[in-house]
């Protein structure tokens, strides 16, 4: 998974755009980041999605597309909480085992 995608997605978890993050870094030297556990959760799901879909393009596409099985929510938007992450991982597991219709 390219570092740029992980970086952009990490900013999304913080609640800022990449442009805003760059501006804050330039002007103020930084801003508060979420705990490392959130970044590890994100990396874990991205790796799992890449494994399930066979490449990072398929993983990114799926993570950023609304999913019926997640009540029309994009998987990437559910990764801010452990419960949301668990739901995304369960769905990926179902897809991996051919159980998702």
Foldseek 3Di string as FASTA:
>chain_A
DDPVVLVQLQVVLVPDGPVVQVVCCVPPVGDDGDDVVLSVLVVVQQVLLCVLVVHNVRSVVQQQFQDVQLVRDRLSVQSNDPVSSVSSVVVSVCSSVVNDD
